[in-house]
Amino acid sequence: MKFKVLILWLFLGPLTLVNAQESLKESDKNAIEAVLKMQEEAWNTADIDAFMEGYWKSEDLAFVGSGGGVFGWEATKARYQKNYPDAAAMGELRFEIIKMQQVNEGVAQVIGKFILDRENETLSGFFTLVWRKFGDQWRIVSDHTSSSE
């Protein structure tokens, strides 16, 4: 009997772990959503410094967009400043979360859509963000954003 239970556990145990990895605690979801909301608000007041607080302040931060890859917090900030030099260029940003899941303990993935309304145009696209939990704070460690035009 113990042997049958062991065999059953060996086969079903990994399935339990897989399901646990995909399940993100509600408090973690809320914390990630709060960072995204803070980023929207910062962007919409043309405050790139505050917007960047959602990112991991490290040289290992990765950002990939239509212009290629940028690595490091300072380089990512410089990219935003170059591409969005003023409030008119920044427009009004909003995010829509499509899927949020836990990848591993303290690591999450968010797939979403961005909509950027400017005076004479609306841009949109999709993003995949990898988040890491540092203490009780979630930060973006990898951002891949693509325009859907």
Protein backbone atom coordinates (compact mmCIF):
# COMPACT_ATOMS: atom_id res chain seq x y z
CA MET A 1 0.00 0.00 0.00
CA LYS A 2 2.78 2.48 0.89
CA PHE A 3 4.44 1.70 -2.45
CA LYS A 4 1.19 2.54 -4.35
CA VAL A 5 0.84 5.84 -2.46
CA LEU A 6 4.47 6.69 -3.22
CA ILE A 7 4.02 5.93 -6.92
CA LEU A 8 0.79 7.97 -7.01
CA TRP A 9 2.53 10.90 -5.27
CA LEU A 10 5.48 10.72 -7.70
CA PHE A 11 3.13 11.01 -10.67
CA LEU A 12 0.61 13.51 -9.28
CA GLY A 13 2.96 15.58 -7.11
CA PRO A 14 4.53 17.47 -10.04
CA LEU A 15 1.05 18.35 -11.34
CA THR A 16 0.28 20.01 -8.02
CA LEU A 17 3.52 22.00 -8.24
CA VAL A 18 2.72 23.15 -11.78
CA ASN A 19 -0.69 24.42 -10.71
CA ALA A 20 0.84 26.16 -7.69
CA GLN A 21 3.32 27.96 -9.94
CA GLU A 22 0.54 29.44 -12.09
CA SER A 23 -1.45 30.69 -9.12
CA LEU A 24 -0.47 34.18 -7.95
CA LYS A 25 -1.72 35.28 -4.54
CA GLU A 26 -4.40 37.94 -4.62
CA SER A 27 -2.21 40.26 -2.55
CA ASP A 28 0.60 39.92 -5.12
CA LYS A 29 -1.81 40.57 -8.00
CA ASN A 30 -3.05 43.68 -6.22
CA ALA A 31 0.52 44.87 -5.59
CA ILE A 32 1.48 44.44 -9.25
CA GLU A 33 -1.71 46.18 -10.39
CA ALA A 34 -0.92 49.05 -8.00
CA VAL A 35 2.51 49.52 -9.61
CA LEU A 36 0.93 49.55 -13.07
CA LYS A 37 -1.65 52.10 -11.89
CA MET A 38 1.15 54.24 -10.42
CA GLN A 39 2.96 54.04 -13.77
CA GLU A 40 -0.15 55.13 -15.66
CA GLU A 41 -0.60 58.11 -13.33
CA ALA A 42 3.08 59.09 -13.55
CA TRP A 43 3.05 58.82 -17.36
CA ASN A 44 -0.13 60.87 -17.63
CA THR A 45 1.48 63.69 -15.63
CA ALA A 46 4.62 63.50 -17.85
CA ASP A 47 6.73 62.25 -14.91
CA ILE A 48 9.19 59.73 -16.36
CA ASP A 49 11.16 59.65 -13.08
CA ALA A 50 8.09 58.42 -11.17
CA PHE A 51 7.15 56.06 -14.04
CA MET A 52 10.59 54.43 -13.79
CA GLU A 53 9.98 53.54 -10.13
CA GLY A 54 8.07 50.51 -11.43
CA TYR A 55 11.28 49.09 -12.87
CA TRP A 56 14.10 47.23 -11.14
CA LYS A 57 16.85 49.76 -10.56
CA SER A 58 19.64 47.54 -11.89
CA GLU A 59 21.99 47.22 -14.80
CA ASP A 60 20.35 43.83 -15.37
CA LEU A 61 16.96 45.38 -16.23
CA ALA A 62 16.02 44.43 -19.80
CA PHE A 63 13.76 46.39 -22.13
CA VAL A 64 13.00 45.25 -25.68
CA GLY A 65 10.95 47.37 -28.05
CA SER A 66 10.67 47.98 -31.76
CA GLY A 67 14.11 49.64 -31.71
CA GLY A 68 15.79 46.61 -30.17
CA GLY A 69 17.09 45.84 -26.71
CA VAL A 70 18.17 48.26 -24.00
CA PHE A 71 19.80 47.01 -20.83
CA GLY A 72 20.01 48.75 -17.49
CA TRP A 73 17.73 51.10 -15.57
CA GLU A 74 19.57 54.28 -16.64
CA ALA A 75 19.61 53.25 -20.32
CA THR A 76 15.89 52.42 -20.18
CA LYS A 77 15.12 55.78 -18.61
CA ALA A 78 17.24 57.56 -21.25
CA ARG A 79 15.31 55.70 -23.98
CA TYR A 80 11.99 56.90 -22.56
CA GLN A 81 13.28 60.47 -22.26
CA LYS A 82 14.52 60.46 -25.87
CA ASN A 83 11.36 58.94 -27.35
CA TYR A 84 8.91 60.90 -25.16
CA PRO A 85 10.49 64.34 -24.64
CA ASP A 86 7.36 66.17 -23.47
CA ALA A 87 3.75 65.80 -22.30
CA ALA A 88 2.39 66.00 -25.87
CA ALA A 89 4.59 63.08 -26.98
CA MET A 90 3.65 61.12 -23.88
CA GLY A 91 -0.09 61.57 -24.33
CA GLU A 92 -2.52 59.66 -22.13
CA LEU A 93 -1.58 56.04 -21.31
CA ARG A 94 -3.68 53.19 -20.07
CA PHE A 95 -2.95 49.52 -19.56
CA GLU A 96 -5.23 46.50 -19.93
CA ILE A 97 -4.09 43.30 -18.26
CA ILE A 98 -4.73 40.22 -20.37
CA LYS A 99 -3.06 37.55 -18.22
CA MET A 100 -1.17 37.53 -14.96
CA GLN A 101 0.49 34.42 -13.60
CA GLN A 102 3.16 33.26 -11.24
CA VAL A 103 6.20 31.81 -12.99
CA ASN A 104 8.08 30.81 -9.86
CA GLU A 105 8.11 31.88 -6.23
CA GLY A 106 8.61 35.65 -6.29
CA VAL A 107 8.47 35.84 -10.11
CA ALA A 108 5.39 36.76 -12.14
CA GLN A 109 4.52 37.41 -15.76
CA VAL A 110 2.00 39.97 -16.97
CA ILE A 111 0.77 40.08 -20.55
CA GLY A 112 -1.21 43.14 -21.46
CA LYS A 113 -2.16 45.83 -23.89
CA PHE A 114 -1.23 49.49 -23.85
CA ILE A 115 -3.24 52.31 -25.38
CA LEU A 116 -1.56 55.68 -25.84
CA ASP A 117 -3.88 58.52 -26.82
CA ARG A 118 -2.21 61.61 -28.27
CA GLU A 119 -3.83 64.73 -29.64
CA ASN A 120 -4.01 63.48 -33.24
CA GLU A 121 -3.44 59.75 -32.95
CA THR A 122 -3.90 56.66 -30.83
CA LEU A 123 -1.11 54.11 -30.57
CA SER A 124 -1.55 50.66 -29.11
CA GLY A 125 0.30 47.43 -28.71
CA PHE A 126 1.12 44.62 -26.37
CA PHE A 127 3.63 43.96 -23.63
CA THR A 128 5.04 41.08 -21.69
CA LEU A 129 6.46 42.04 -18.33
CA VAL A 130 8.48 39.79 -16.06
CA TRP A 131 8.18 40.89 -12.44
CA ARG A 132 10.31 39.98 -9.46
CA LYS A 133 9.44 40.45 -5.82
CA PHE A 134 12.06 42.24 -3.73
CA GLY A 135 11.00 42.04 -0.10
CA ASP A 136 7.39 43.19 -0.29
CA GLN A 137 7.76 45.20 -3.51
CA TRP A 138 7.23 44.00 -7.06
CA ARG A 139 9.38 45.48 -9.82
CA ILE A 140 9.59 44.91 -13.58
CA VAL A 141 12.85 43.12 -14.44
CA SER A 142 12.13 42.54 -18.13
CA ASP A 143 9.82 44.44 -20.48
CA HIS A 144 9.04 43.50 -24.06
CA THR A 145 6.69 46.01 -25.64
CA SER A 146 5.58 45.98 -29.29
CA SER A 147 3.32 48.29 -31.23
CA SER A 148 0.39 46.63 -32.96
CA GLU A 149 0.45 48.97 -35.95
